[in-house]
Amino acid sequence: MKIAAFVSSSSHHGNTATAVQKFAEGARQAGAEVDIYYLHDYDMKPCRGCRVCEKTNECVIKNDDVPKLHQALREADAYVLATPTFYGDITGAFKVFVDRCYPFVDIWKDEETQKMRFGSVNKRRRPGVLIALSGSHGDMVFDSHMKVGYFCLNDLNSYPWREFCIPYTTWKPVAEMEDVVEKLIQGGKDLAAHLNSGEGENLAKTQAYYERYRELKY
């Protein structure tokens, strides 16, 4: 039972890292193996937008560390995506990571609706967790984080299992938020239990995410 967590903060000791570490603490207590990948420790070049991977499912960029992250994604049984908030949105590192996950996407046209559908070349369904912190912002910033995180999870064939959105961490560090720390530790334990149970996803929750973040009306 392996969980891969991807942290897009530049710090190993800041609020985002602390939140992920507390989640990992709970998961490990429940018997899970947790690997934390601090994205700033890896060389990740930006996506070129060439879309070659739509046909090959392989990125044309070979001279950076993204293949190591892709291997971690293939081997994990569950994912944790974590980002602080920079200028009211996700971090640049988080966006680069999400963009470079595009080789996992499987695109086809629905013959009945004639709409493009975006699935995944990953055949095994996995739970996904989003951890987002807002710094000096309130809850209103998290909609963007959730949207991007959902798109990434969809491409990885991962369903939205749970999210931890923590506002106002500029004023009070996560480590001092006793209730939040307790929820994170319990969340890690719950994810391990979920993986052990084999109960699968909550289809109603997945559909709600799909309707909110994929079928946007303009």
N, C-alpha and C. Protein backbone atom coordinates (compact mmCIF):
# COMPACT_ATOMS: atom_id res chain seq x y z
N MET A 1 0.86 -1.19 0.00
CA MET A 1 0.00 0.00 0.00
C MET A 1 0.90 1.24 0.00
N LYS A 2 1.00 1.87 -1.16
CA LYS A 2 1.94 2.98 -1.33
C LYS A 2 1.20 4.26 -1.73
N ILE A 3 1.53 5.34 -1.04
CA ILE A 3 0.94 6.64 -1.33
C ILE A 3 2.06 7.57 -1.80
N ALA A 4 1.84 8.26 -2.89
CA ALA A 4 2.81 9.23 -3.42
C ALA A 4 2.24 10.63 -3.25
N ALA A 5 2.99 11.47 -2.54
CA ALA A 5 2.55 12.85 -2.29
C ALA A 5 3.49 13.81 -3.01
N PHE A 6 2.91 14.79 -3.69
CA PHE A 6 3.67 15.74 -4.49
C PHE A 6 3.44 17.15 -3.94
N VAL A 7 4.51 17.75 -3.44
CA VAL A 7 4.44 19.04 -2.74
C VAL A 7 5.06 20.12 -3.62
N SER A 8 4.29 21.17 -3.92
CA SER A 8 4.78 22.20 -4.83
C SER A 8 5.25 23.45 -4.12
N SER A 9 5.52 23.35 -2.82
CA SER A 9 6.16 24.45 -2.10
C SER A 9 7.67 24.31 -2.22
N SER A 10 8.38 25.43 -2.15
CA SER A 10 9.84 25.38 -2.22
C SER A 10 10.47 24.98 -0.89
N SER A 11 9.66 24.90 0.16
CA SER A 11 10.17 24.61 1.49
C SER A 11 9.79 23.20 1.93
N HIS A 12 10.72 22.53 2.61
CA HIS A 12 10.42 21.23 3.22
C HIS A 12 9.84 21.39 4.62
N HIS A 13 9.78 22.62 5.11
CA HIS A 13 9.39 22.84 6.50
C HIS A 13 8.28 23.89 6.65
N GLY A 14 7.72 24.36 5.55
CA GLY A 14 6.67 25.37 5.61
C GLY A 14 5.30 24.76 5.88
N ASN A 15 4.28 25.57 5.71
CA ASN A 15 2.92 25.13 6.02
C ASN A 15 2.44 23.99 5.14
N THR A 16 2.71 24.07 3.84
CA THR A 16 2.25 23.01 2.93
C THR A 16 2.96 21.71 3.23
N ALA A 17 4.27 21.79 3.40
CA ALA A 17 5.04 20.59 3.73
C ALA A 17 4.58 20.00 5.06
N THR A 18 4.32 20.85 6.04
CA THR A 18 3.85 20.37 7.34
C THR A 18 2.52 19.65 7.22
N ALA A 19 1.61 20.23 6.43
CA ALA A 19 0.30 19.60 6.23
C ALA A 19 0.45 18.21 5.62
N VAL A 20 1.29 18.10 4.60
CA VAL A 20 1.49 16.80 3.95
C VAL A 20 2.18 15.83 4.91
N GLN A 21 3.15 16.31 5.66
CA GLN A 21 3.86 15.44 6.62
C GLN A 21 2.92 14.91 7.69
N LYS A 22 1.98 15.73 8.14
CA LYS A 22 1.01 15.28 9.14
C LYS A 22 0.07 14.23 8.54
N PHE A 23 -0.36 14.46 7.30
CA PHE A 23 -1.19 13.48 6.61
C PHE A 23 -0.42 12.17 6.47
N ALA A 24 0.85 12.28 6.06
CA ALA A 24 1.69 11.09 5.90
C ALA A 24 1.89 10.37 7.22
N GLU A 25 2.01 11.14 8.30
CA GLU A 25 2.17 10.54 9.63
C GLU A 25 1.01 9.62 9.95
N GLY A 26 -0.20 10.10 9.69
CA GLY A 26 -1.37 9.27 9.96
C GLY A 26 -1.41 8.04 9.08
N ALA A 27 -1.08 8.20 7.80
CA ALA A 27 -1.10 7.07 6.87
C ALA A 27 -0.08 6.02 7.28
N ARG A 28 1.10 6.48 7.69
CA ARG A 28 2.14 5.52 8.12
C ARG A 28 1.74 4.79 9.38
N GLN A 29 1.10 5.51 10.30
CA GLN A 29 0.63 4.86 11.52
C GLN A 29 -0.35 3.74 11.20
N ALA A 30 -1.08 3.90 10.09
CA ALA A 30 -2.07 2.90 9.69
C ALA A 30 -1.48 1.84 8.75
N GLY A 31 -0.16 1.88 8.56
CA GLY A 31 0.49 0.82 7.80
C GLY A 31 0.83 1.12 6.36
N ALA A 32 0.59 2.34 5.91
CA ALA A 32 0.89 2.69 4.52
C ALA A 32 2.34 3.14 4.37
N GLU A 33 2.88 2.93 3.20
CA GLU A 33 4.17 3.50 2.82
C GLU A 33 3.90 4.81 2.10
N VAL A 34 4.55 5.88 2.54
CA VAL A 34 4.32 7.20 1.94
C VAL A 34 5.64 7.78 1.45
N ASP A 35 5.68 8.12 0.18
CA ASP A 35 6.83 8.81 -0.40
C ASP A 35 6.42 10.24 -0.72
N ILE A 36 7.17 11.20 -0.20
CA ILE A 36 6.88 12.61 -0.44
C ILE A 36 7.88 13.16 -1.44
N TYR A 37 7.37 13.74 -2.51
CA TYR A 37 8.21 14.31 -3.56
C TYR A 37 8.06 15.83 -3.52
N TYR A 38 9.13 16.50 -3.13
CA TYR A 38 9.15 17.96 -3.10
C TYR A 38 9.56 18.44 -4.50
N LEU A 39 8.60 18.98 -5.23
CA LEU A 39 8.80 19.21 -6.65
C LEU A 39 9.96 20.15 -6.97
N HIS A 40 10.27 21.07 -6.05
CA HIS A 40 11.38 21.98 -6.30
C HIS A 40 12.73 21.28 -6.24
N ASP A 41 12.76 20.05 -5.75
CA ASP A 41 14.00 19.28 -5.74
C ASP A 41 14.26 18.60 -7.09
N TYR A 42 13.29 18.71 -7.99
CA TYR A 42 13.39 18.02 -9.27
C TYR A 42 13.46 19.03 -10.41
N ASP A 43 14.20 18.67 -11.44
CA ASP A 43 14.27 19.49 -12.64
C ASP A 43 13.04 19.18 -13.49
N MET A 44 12.12 20.14 -13.56
CA MET A 44 10.91 19.96 -14.36
C MET A 44 10.84 21.08 -15.40
N LYS A 45 11.06 20.74 -16.63
CA LYS A 45 10.94 21.75 -17.67
C LYS A 45 9.47 21.96 -18.02
N PRO A 46 9.10 23.17 -18.43
CA PRO A 46 7.69 23.42 -18.77
C PRO A 46 7.24 22.62 -19.99
N CYS A 47 5.97 22.28 -20.00
CA CYS A 47 5.37 21.61 -21.16
C CYS A 47 5.51 22.50 -22.40
N ARG A 48 5.82 21.90 -23.54
CA ARG A 48 5.98 22.64 -24.79
C ARG A 48 4.66 22.80 -25.54
N GLY A 49 3.64 22.10 -25.11
CA GLY A 49 2.36 22.18 -25.81
C GLY A 49 2.39 21.55 -27.19
N CYS A 50 3.30 20.63 -27.43
CA CYS A 50 3.43 20.03 -28.76
C CYS A 50 2.36 18.98 -29.03
N ARG A 51 1.79 18.41 -27.97
CA ARG A 51 0.70 17.44 -28.02
C ARG A 51 1.08 16.11 -28.67
N VAL A 52 2.38 15.88 -28.83
CA VAL A 52 2.84 14.60 -29.36
C VAL A 52 2.40 13.46 -28.44
N CYS A 53 2.39 13.73 -27.12
CA CYS A 53 2.05 12.68 -26.16
C CYS A 53 0.61 12.21 -26.29
N GLU A 54 -0.25 12.99 -26.97
CA GLU A 54 -1.62 12.52 -27.20
C GLU A 54 -1.63 11.25 -28.04
N LYS A 55 -0.60 11.10 -28.87
CA LYS A 55 -0.51 9.93 -29.75
C LYS A 55 0.41 8.86 -29.19
N THR A 56 1.46 9.29 -28.47
CA THR A 56 2.48 8.34 -28.02
C THR A 56 2.41 8.01 -26.53
N ASN A 57 1.73 8.86 -25.77
CA ASN A 57 1.68 8.75 -24.30
C ASN A 57 3.07 8.83 -23.68
N GLU A 58 3.98 9.47 -24.38
CA GLU A 58 5.31 9.73 -23.87
C GLU A 58 5.67 11.18 -24.14
N CYS A 59 6.33 11.81 -23.17
CA CYS A 59 6.75 13.20 -23.35
C CYS A 59 8.01 13.26 -24.20
N VAL A 60 8.08 14.26 -25.07
CA VAL A 60 9.26 14.41 -25.93
C VAL A 60 10.44 14.98 -25.14
N ILE A 61 10.19 15.55 -23.97
CA ILE A 61 11.27 16.09 -23.14
C ILE A 61 11.87 14.94 -22.34
N LYS A 62 13.11 14.63 -22.61
CA LYS A 62 13.75 13.47 -21.99
C LYS A 62 14.85 13.84 -21.00
N ASN A 63 15.28 15.11 -21.01
CA ASN A 63 16.49 15.48 -20.26
C ASN A 63 16.17 16.23 -18.97
N ASP A 64 15.14 15.77 -18.25
CA ASP A 64 14.87 16.32 -16.93
C ASP A 64 14.41 15.20 -16.01
N ASP A 65 13.87 15.54 -14.84
CA ASP A 65 13.54 14.53 -13.84
C ASP A 65 12.09 14.06 -13.87
N VAL A 66 11.32 14.56 -14.81
CA VAL A 66 9.90 14.20 -14.83
C VAL A 66 9.68 12.69 -15.00
N PRO A 67 10.48 11.97 -15.79
CA PRO A 67 10.28 10.51 -15.84
C PRO A 67 10.32 9.84 -14.47
N LYS A 68 11.12 10.35 -13.53
CA LYS A 68 11.15 9.79 -12.18
C LYS A 68 9.80 10.00 -11.49
N LEU A 69 9.21 11.18 -11.69
CA LEU A 69 7.91 11.46 -11.10
C LEU A 69 6.82 10.62 -11.75
N HIS A 70 6.92 10.42 -13.05
CA HIS A 70 5.97 9.57 -13.76
C HIS A 70 6.03 8.14 -13.23
N GLN A 71 7.23 7.65 -12.95
CA GLN A 71 7.38 6.30 -12.42
C GLN A 71 6.72 6.19 -11.05
N ALA A 72 6.89 7.24 -10.24
CA ALA A 72 6.23 7.25 -8.93
C ALA A 72 4.71 7.22 -9.08
N LEU A 73 4.20 7.92 -10.07
CA LEU A 73 2.76 7.93 -10.32
C LEU A 73 2.26 6.55 -10.74
N ARG A 74 3.06 5.84 -11.51
CA ARG A 74 2.65 4.51 -11.96
C ARG A 74 2.65 3.50 -10.81
N GLU A 75 3.57 3.67 -9.88
CA GLU A 75 3.74 2.67 -8.82
C GLU A 75 2.83 2.88 -7.62
N ALA A 76 2.30 4.09 -7.46
CA ALA A 76 1.53 4.40 -6.25
C ALA A 76 0.12 3.83 -6.31
N ASP A 77 -0.44 3.60 -5.13
CA ASP A 77 -1.83 3.16 -5.00
C ASP A 77 -2.77 4.32 -4.73
N ALA A 78 -2.22 5.47 -4.36
CA ALA A 78 -3.02 6.67 -4.10
C ALA A 78 -2.12 7.89 -4.26
N TYR A 79 -2.74 9.03 -4.54
CA TYR A 79 -2.00 10.26 -4.78
C TYR A 79 -2.43 11.36 -3.81
N VAL A 80 -1.45 12.19 -3.44
CA VAL A 80 -1.72 13.43 -2.71
C VAL A 80 -1.08 14.56 -3.51
N LEU A 81 -1.88 15.55 -3.88
CA LEU A 81 -1.39 16.74 -4.57
C LEU A 81 -1.50 17.91 -3.59
N ALA A 82 -0.40 18.63 -3.40
CA ALA A 82 -0.40 19.69 -2.39
C ALA A 82 0.21 20.97 -2.95
N THR A 83 -0.48 22.09 -2.69
CA THR A 83 0.03 23.37 -3.17
C THR A 83 -0.34 24.50 -2.22
N PRO A 84 0.59 25.42 -2.00
CA PRO A 84 0.22 26.68 -1.35
C PRO A 84 -0.41 27.60 -2.37
N THR A 85 -0.68 28.82 -1.97
CA THR A 85 -1.27 29.82 -2.87
C THR A 85 -0.26 30.93 -3.11
N PHE A 86 0.01 31.18 -4.40
CA PHE A 86 0.85 32.31 -4.80
C PHE A 86 -0.01 33.25 -5.64
N TYR A 87 -0.09 34.50 -5.27
CA TYR A 87 -0.87 35.49 -6.01
C TYR A 87 -2.30 35.00 -6.27
N GLY A 88 -2.90 34.41 -5.25
CA GLY A 88 -4.29 34.00 -5.34
C GLY A 88 -4.56 32.76 -6.16
N ASP A 89 -3.51 31.96 -6.44
CA ASP A 89 -3.72 30.77 -7.27
C ASP A 89 -2.68 29.72 -6.91
N ILE A 90 -2.69 28.61 -7.64
CA ILE A 90 -1.72 27.55 -7.43
C ILE A 90 -0.31 28.04 -7.76
N THR A 91 0.69 27.31 -7.33
CA THR A 91 2.07 27.70 -7.61
C THR A 91 2.47 27.32 -9.03
N GLY A 92 3.53 27.94 -9.51
CA GLY A 92 4.05 27.61 -10.83
C GLY A 92 4.51 26.16 -10.90
N ALA A 93 5.15 25.68 -9.84
CA ALA A 93 5.63 24.29 -9.82
C ALA A 93 4.47 23.31 -9.92
N PHE A 94 3.36 23.63 -9.24
CA PHE A 94 2.19 22.76 -9.31
C PHE A 94 1.64 22.71 -10.73
N LYS A 95 1.59 23.86 -11.39
CA LYS A 95 1.07 23.89 -12.76
C LYS A 95 1.99 23.15 -13.72
N VAL A 96 3.30 23.31 -13.57
CA VAL A 96 4.23 22.58 -14.44
C VAL A 96 4.06 21.08 -14.24
N PHE A 97 3.93 20.65 -12.99
CA PHE A 97 3.73 19.23 -12.71
C PHE A 97 2.46 18.72 -13.37
N VAL A 98 1.37 19.47 -13.21
CA VAL A 98 0.10 19.06 -13.82
C VAL A 98 0.23 18.99 -15.34
N ASP A 99 0.83 20.01 -15.93
CA ASP A 99 1.00 20.03 -17.39
C ASP A 99 1.80 18.82 -17.87
N ARG A 100 2.83 18.46 -17.11
CA ARG A 100 3.70 17.36 -17.53
C ARG A 100 3.09 15.98 -17.23
N CYS A 101 1.93 15.95 -16.58
CA CYS A 101 1.19 14.70 -16.43
C CYS A 101 0.34 14.39 -17.66
N TYR A 102 0.34 15.27 -18.63
CA TYR A 102 -0.52 15.10 -19.81
C TYR A 102 -0.25 13.81 -20.59
N PRO A 103 0.96 13.25 -20.59
CA PRO A 103 1.14 11.98 -21.29
C PRO A 103 0.26 10.84 -20.78
N PHE A 104 -0.32 11.00 -19.60
CA PHE A 104 -1.21 9.96 -19.08
C PHE A 104 -2.62 10.06 -19.66
N VAL A 105 -2.91 11.12 -20.39
CA VAL A 105 -4.28 11.34 -20.85
C VAL A 105 -4.62 10.43 -22.02
N ASP A 106 -5.87 10.02 -22.08
CA ASP A 106 -6.41 9.23 -23.18
C ASP A 106 -7.61 9.99 -23.71
N ILE A 107 -7.54 10.43 -24.95
CA ILE A 107 -8.58 11.30 -25.52
C ILE A 107 -9.36 10.55 -26.60
N TRP A 108 -10.67 10.66 -26.54
CA TRP A 108 -11.50 10.08 -27.58
C TRP A 108 -12.77 10.90 -27.73
N LYS A 109 -13.46 10.67 -28.84
CA LYS A 109 -14.72 11.36 -29.09
C LYS A 109 -15.87 10.43 -28.77
N ASP A 110 -16.78 10.93 -27.94
CA ASP A 110 -17.99 10.18 -27.60
C ASP A 110 -18.89 10.15 -28.83
N GLU A 111 -19.14 8.97 -29.36
CA GLU A 111 -19.91 8.85 -30.59
C GLU A 111 -21.35 9.33 -30.42
N GLU A 112 -21.88 9.18 -29.22
CA GLU A 112 -23.26 9.58 -28.99
C GLU A 112 -23.41 11.09 -28.87
N THR A 113 -22.53 11.72 -28.11
CA THR A 113 -22.64 13.16 -27.87
C THR A 113 -21.75 13.99 -28.78
N GLN A 114 -20.77 13.32 -29.44
CA GLN A 114 -19.80 14.00 -30.29
C GLN A 114 -18.91 14.97 -29.51
N LYS A 115 -18.81 14.76 -28.20
CA LYS A 115 -17.92 15.57 -27.37
C LYS A 115 -16.61 14.83 -27.13
N MET A 116 -15.54 15.60 -26.98
CA MET A 116 -14.27 15.00 -26.64
C MET A 116 -14.29 14.57 -25.18
N ARG A 117 -13.76 13.38 -24.92
CA ARG A 117 -13.69 12.85 -23.57
C ARG A 117 -12.23 12.63 -23.20
N PHE A 118 -11.93 12.87 -21.95
CA PHE A 118 -10.55 12.80 -21.47
C PHE A 118 -10.46 11.76 -20.37
N GLY A 119 -9.89 10.62 -20.70
CA GLY A 119 -9.67 9.56 -19.74
C GLY A 119 -8.19 9.41 -19.44
N SER A 120 -7.77 8.20 -19.12
CA SER A 120 -6.38 7.98 -18.72
C SER A 120 -5.88 6.65 -19.26
N VAL A 121 -4.58 6.62 -19.56
CA VAL A 121 -3.96 5.35 -19.94
C VAL A 121 -3.67 4.50 -18.71
N ASN A 122 -3.73 5.10 -17.51
CA ASN A 122 -3.66 4.31 -16.28
C ASN A 122 -4.90 3.44 -16.19
N LYS A 123 -4.72 2.16 -16.07
CA LYS A 123 -5.87 1.26 -16.07
C LYS A 123 -6.45 1.04 -14.67
N ARG A 124 -5.63 1.24 -13.66
CA ARG A 124 -6.09 1.00 -12.29
C ARG A 124 -6.58 2.29 -11.66
N ARG A 125 -7.78 2.25 -11.11
CA ARG A 125 -8.40 3.42 -10.49
C ARG A 125 -7.78 3.63 -9.11
N ARG A 126 -7.43 4.89 -8.79
CA ARG A 126 -6.76 5.20 -7.53
C ARG A 126 -7.43 6.40 -6.87
N PRO A 127 -7.44 6.45 -5.53
CA PRO A 127 -7.96 7.64 -4.85
C PRO A 127 -6.95 8.78 -4.88
N GLY A 128 -7.47 10.00 -4.91
CA GLY A 128 -6.63 11.18 -4.91
C GLY A 128 -7.04 12.16 -3.83
N VAL A 129 -6.06 12.82 -3.25
CA VAL A 129 -6.27 13.80 -2.19
C VAL A 129 -5.67 15.13 -2.62
N LEU A 130 -6.39 16.22 -2.37
CA LEU A 130 -5.86 17.55 -2.61
C LEU A 130 -5.67 18.26 -1.28
N ILE A 131 -4.47 18.78 -1.05
CA ILE A 131 -4.18 19.62 0.11
C ILE A 131 -3.79 20.99 -0.41
N ALA A 132 -4.56 22.01 -0.06
CA ALA A 132 -4.32 23.37 -0.54
C ALA A 132 -4.34 24.34 0.61
N LEU A 133 -3.39 25.27 0.61
CA LEU A 133 -3.30 26.29 1.65
C LEU A 133 -3.37 27.66 1.00
N SER A 134 -4.03 28.60 1.70
CA SER A 134 -4.32 29.86 1.02
C SER A 134 -3.53 31.06 1.51
N GLY A 135 -2.60 30.87 2.45
CA GLY A 135 -1.82 32.02 2.90
C GLY A 135 -2.70 33.07 3.54
N SER A 136 -2.73 34.25 2.95
CA SER A 136 -3.53 35.35 3.49
C SER A 136 -4.94 35.38 2.93
N HIS A 137 -5.27 34.46 2.05
CA HIS A 137 -6.58 34.44 1.40
C HIS A 137 -7.54 33.53 2.15
N GLY A 138 -8.82 33.74 1.87
CA GLY A 138 -9.86 32.89 2.43
C GLY A 138 -10.24 31.78 1.49
N ASP A 139 -11.41 31.20 1.74
CA ASP A 139 -11.85 30.03 0.99
C ASP A 139 -12.09 30.30 -0.49
N MET A 140 -12.25 31.57 -0.87
CA MET A 140 -12.64 31.85 -2.25
C MET A 140 -11.57 31.45 -3.26
N VAL A 141 -10.31 31.30 -2.83
CA VAL A 141 -9.26 30.97 -3.79
C VAL A 141 -9.24 29.49 -4.14
N PHE A 142 -9.89 28.66 -3.35
CA PHE A 142 -9.70 27.22 -3.52
C PHE A 142 -10.40 26.64 -4.74
N ASP A 143 -11.34 27.35 -5.31
CA ASP A 143 -12.05 26.83 -6.48
C ASP A 143 -11.07 26.56 -7.62
N SER A 144 -10.12 27.46 -7.82
CA SER A 144 -9.12 27.27 -8.88
C SER A 144 -8.22 26.08 -8.56
N HIS A 145 -7.81 25.96 -7.32
CA HIS A 145 -6.95 24.84 -6.92
C HIS A 145 -7.66 23.51 -7.17
N MET A 146 -8.95 23.47 -6.80
CA MET A 146 -9.73 22.25 -6.95
C MET A 146 -9.90 21.89 -8.42
N LYS A 147 -10.14 22.89 -9.25
CA LYS A 147 -10.33 22.64 -10.67
C LYS A 147 -9.08 22.03 -11.29
N VAL A 148 -7.93 22.64 -11.07
CA VAL A 148 -6.69 22.14 -11.67
C VAL A 148 -6.34 20.77 -11.09
N GLY A 149 -6.50 20.63 -9.77
CA GLY A 149 -6.23 19.34 -9.15
C GLY A 149 -7.13 18.25 -9.69
N TYR A 150 -8.40 18.56 -9.91
CA TYR A 150 -9.32 17.57 -10.46
C TYR A 150 -8.91 17.16 -11.87
N PHE A 151 -8.55 18.12 -12.71
CA PHE A 151 -8.13 17.79 -14.06
C PHE A 151 -6.95 16.82 -14.04
N CYS A 152 -5.99 17.10 -13.16
CA CYS A 152 -4.82 16.24 -13.06
C CYS A 152 -5.21 14.84 -12.61
N LEU A 153 -6.03 14.75 -11.56
CA LEU A 153 -6.46 13.45 -11.08
C LEU A 153 -7.21 12.67 -12.15
N ASN A 154 -8.03 13.36 -12.92
CA ASN A 154 -8.77 12.70 -13.99
C ASN A 154 -7.82 12.07 -15.00
N ASP A 155 -6.77 12.80 -15.37
CA ASP A 155 -5.82 12.28 -16.35
C ASP A 155 -5.03 11.10 -15.80
N LEU A 156 -4.93 11.00 -14.48
CA LEU A 156 -4.21 9.90 -13.84
C LEU A 156 -5.13 8.73 -13.48
N ASN A 157 -6.38 8.80 -13.88
CA ASN A 157 -7.40 7.81 -13.52
C ASN A 157 -7.54 7.73 -12.00
N SER A 158 -7.57 8.89 -11.39
CA SER A 158 -7.69 8.99 -9.94
C SER A 158 -8.97 9.74 -9.60
N TYR A 159 -9.68 9.24 -8.62
CA TYR A 159 -10.94 9.88 -8.25
C TYR A 159 -10.73 10.79 -7.03
N PRO A 160 -11.50 11.87 -6.94
CA PRO A 160 -11.36 12.82 -5.83
C PRO A 160 -11.90 12.21 -4.54
N TRP A 161 -11.00 11.73 -3.71
CA TRP A 161 -11.42 11.05 -2.47
C TRP A 161 -11.67 12.04 -1.34
N ARG A 162 -10.73 12.98 -1.13
CA ARG A 162 -10.92 13.95 -0.06
C ARG A 162 -10.03 15.17 -0.32
N GLU A 163 -10.44 16.31 0.21
CA GLU A 163 -9.63 17.52 0.08
C GLU A 163 -9.51 18.21 1.44
N PHE A 164 -8.36 18.84 1.63
CA PHE A 164 -8.08 19.60 2.85
C PHE A 164 -7.67 21.00 2.42
N CYS A 165 -8.59 21.95 2.53
CA CYS A 165 -8.36 23.33 2.12
C CYS A 165 -8.22 24.18 3.38
N ILE A 166 -7.04 24.73 3.58
CA ILE A 166 -6.70 25.38 4.85
C ILE A 166 -6.43 26.86 4.60
N PRO A 167 -7.32 27.75 5.02
CA PRO A 167 -7.13 29.19 4.76
C PRO A 167 -6.31 29.88 5.85
N TYR A 168 -5.85 31.08 5.50
CA TYR A 168 -5.22 32.02 6.44
C TYR A 168 -4.00 31.45 7.18
N THR A 169 -3.18 30.72 6.48
CA THR A 169 -1.99 30.15 7.12
C THR A 169 -0.88 31.19 7.29
N THR A 170 -1.04 32.36 6.71
CA THR A 170 -0.07 33.44 6.96
C THR A 170 -0.15 33.89 8.41
N TRP A 171 -1.36 33.89 8.96
CA TRP A 171 -1.57 34.43 10.30
C TRP A 171 -1.34 33.39 11.39
N LYS A 172 -1.51 32.13 11.06
CA LYS A 172 -1.29 31.08 12.05
C LYS A 172 -0.74 29.85 11.35
N PRO A 173 0.46 29.40 11.70
CA PRO A 173 1.06 28.23 11.04
C PRO A 173 0.22 26.97 11.23
N VAL A 174 0.28 26.10 10.26
CA VAL A 174 -0.45 24.84 10.33
C VAL A 174 -0.09 24.06 11.59
N ALA A 175 1.18 24.06 11.93
CA ALA A 175 1.64 23.30 13.09
C ALA A 175 0.93 23.73 14.39
N GLU A 176 0.42 24.96 14.42
CA GLU A 176 -0.27 25.47 15.61
C GLU A 176 -1.78 25.32 15.52
N MET A 177 -2.28 24.82 14.40
CA MET A 177 -3.72 24.60 14.23
C MET A 177 -4.04 23.18 14.68
N GLU A 178 -4.32 23.01 15.94
CA GLU A 178 -4.47 21.67 16.50
C GLU A 178 -5.59 20.88 15.82
N ASP A 179 -6.71 21.56 15.53
CA ASP A 179 -7.83 20.86 14.91
C ASP A 179 -7.49 20.42 13.49
N VAL A 180 -6.75 21.27 12.77
CA VAL A 180 -6.35 20.95 11.40
C VAL A 180 -5.35 19.79 11.39
N VAL A 181 -4.38 19.85 12.29
CA VAL A 181 -3.40 18.77 12.38
C VAL A 181 -4.09 17.45 12.68
N GLU A 182 -5.04 17.47 13.59
CA GLU A 182 -5.78 16.26 13.93
C GLU A 182 -6.53 15.70 12.72
N LYS A 183 -7.14 16.61 11.95
CA LYS A 183 -7.88 16.17 10.75
C LYS A 183 -6.94 15.59 9.70
N LEU A 184 -5.76 16.19 9.56
CA LEU A 184 -4.80 15.68 8.58
C LEU A 184 -4.29 14.29 8.97
N ILE A 185 -3.93 14.13 10.22
CA ILE A 185 -3.46 12.82 10.68
C ILE A 185 -4.56 11.77 10.51
N GLN A 186 -5.78 12.14 10.90
CA GLN A 186 -6.90 11.20 10.75
C GLN A 186 -7.17 10.93 9.26
N GLY A 187 -6.99 11.96 8.44
CA GLY A 187 -7.19 11.77 7.00
C GLY A 187 -6.23 10.75 6.43
N GLY A 188 -4.97 10.78 6.87
CA GLY A 188 -4.01 9.78 6.42
C GLY A 188 -4.40 8.38 6.85
N LYS A 189 -4.87 8.26 8.10
CA LYS A 189 -5.34 6.97 8.59
C LYS A 189 -6.54 6.49 7.77
N ASP A 190 -7.44 7.43 7.48
CA ASP A 190 -8.65 7.07 6.72
C ASP A 190 -8.30 6.61 5.31
N LEU A 191 -7.31 7.25 4.70
CA LEU A 191 -6.94 6.84 3.34
C LEU A 191 -6.35 5.43 3.36
N ALA A 192 -5.51 5.15 4.34
CA ALA A 192 -4.97 3.80 4.45
C ALA A 192 -6.08 2.78 4.65
N ALA A 193 -7.05 3.11 5.49
CA ALA A 193 -8.18 2.22 5.71
C ALA A 193 -9.00 2.05 4.43
N HIS A 194 -9.17 3.14 3.70
CA HIS A 194 -9.90 3.10 2.44
C HIS A 194 -9.21 2.17 1.45
N LEU A 195 -7.89 2.27 1.36
CA LEU A 195 -7.15 1.41 0.45
C LEU A 195 -7.26 -0.06 0.86
N ASN A 196 -7.19 -0.30 2.16
CA ASN A 196 -7.28 -1.67 2.67
C ASN A 196 -8.66 -2.28 2.45
N SER A 197 -9.68 -1.43 2.51
CA SER A 197 -11.05 -1.93 2.44
C SER A 197 -11.45 -2.37 1.04
N GLY A 198 -10.83 -1.75 0.03
CA GLY A 198 -11.20 -2.04 -1.34
C GLY A 198 -12.59 -1.55 -1.71
N GLU A 199 -13.11 -0.58 -0.95
CA GLU A 199 -14.49 -0.14 -1.17
C GLU A 199 -14.67 0.70 -2.44
N GLY A 200 -13.58 1.26 -2.97
CA GLY A 200 -13.69 2.02 -4.20
C GLY A 200 -14.20 3.43 -4.00
N GLU A 201 -14.55 4.06 -5.09
CA GLU A 201 -14.87 5.49 -5.05
C GLU A 201 -16.34 5.76 -4.75
N ASN A 202 -16.60 6.98 -4.33
CA ASN A 202 -17.95 7.49 -4.18
C ASN A 202 -18.35 8.08 -5.53
N LEU A 203 -19.13 7.36 -6.29
CA LEU A 203 -19.45 7.78 -7.66
C LEU A 203 -20.22 9.09 -7.69
N ALA A 204 -21.03 9.33 -6.69
CA ALA A 204 -21.79 10.58 -6.65
C ALA A 204 -20.85 11.77 -6.49
N LYS A 205 -19.82 11.62 -5.66
CA LYS A 205 -18.86 12.70 -5.47
C LYS A 205 -18.06 12.93 -6.76
N THR A 206 -17.64 11.85 -7.39
CA THR A 206 -16.90 11.99 -8.64
C THR A 206 -17.75 12.70 -9.69
N GLN A 207 -19.01 12.34 -9.80
CA GLN A 207 -19.90 12.96 -10.76
C GLN A 207 -20.10 14.43 -10.45
N ALA A 208 -20.20 14.77 -9.17
CA ALA A 208 -20.36 16.17 -8.77
C ALA A 208 -19.14 16.99 -9.19
N TYR A 209 -17.95 16.42 -9.01
CA TYR A 209 -16.73 17.10 -9.45
C TYR A 209 -16.75 17.27 -10.97
N TYR A 210 -17.14 16.21 -11.65
CA TYR A 210 -17.17 16.26 -13.11
C TYR A 210 -18.08 17.38 -13.59
N GLU A 211 -19.26 17.44 -13.02
CA GLU A 211 -20.23 18.45 -13.46
C GLU A 211 -19.76 19.86 -13.13
N ARG A 212 -19.07 20.02 -12.01
CA ARG A 212 -18.66 21.35 -11.59
C ARG A 212 -17.42 21.84 -12.34
N TYR A 213 -16.44 20.95 -12.54
CA TYR A 213 -15.16 21.40 -13.06
C TYR A 213 -14.88 21.01 -14.51
N ARG A 214 -15.60 20.05 -15.04
CA ARG A 214 -15.37 19.68 -16.44
C ARG A 214 -16.42 20.28 -17.36
N GLU A 215 -17.67 20.18 -16.98
CA GLU A 215 -18.75 20.68 -17.83
C GLU A 215 -19.06 22.14 -17.47
N LEU A 216 -18.08 22.98 -17.55
CA LEU A 216 -18.28 24.39 -17.21
C LEU A 216 -19.10 25.08 -18.30
N LYS A 217 -19.99 25.94 -17.89
CA LYS A 217 -20.83 26.67 -18.83
C LYS A 217 -20.32 28.13 -18.90
N TYR A 218 -20.09 28.58 -20.11
CA TYR A 218 -19.60 29.95 -20.30
C TYR A 218 -20.65 30.81 -20.99
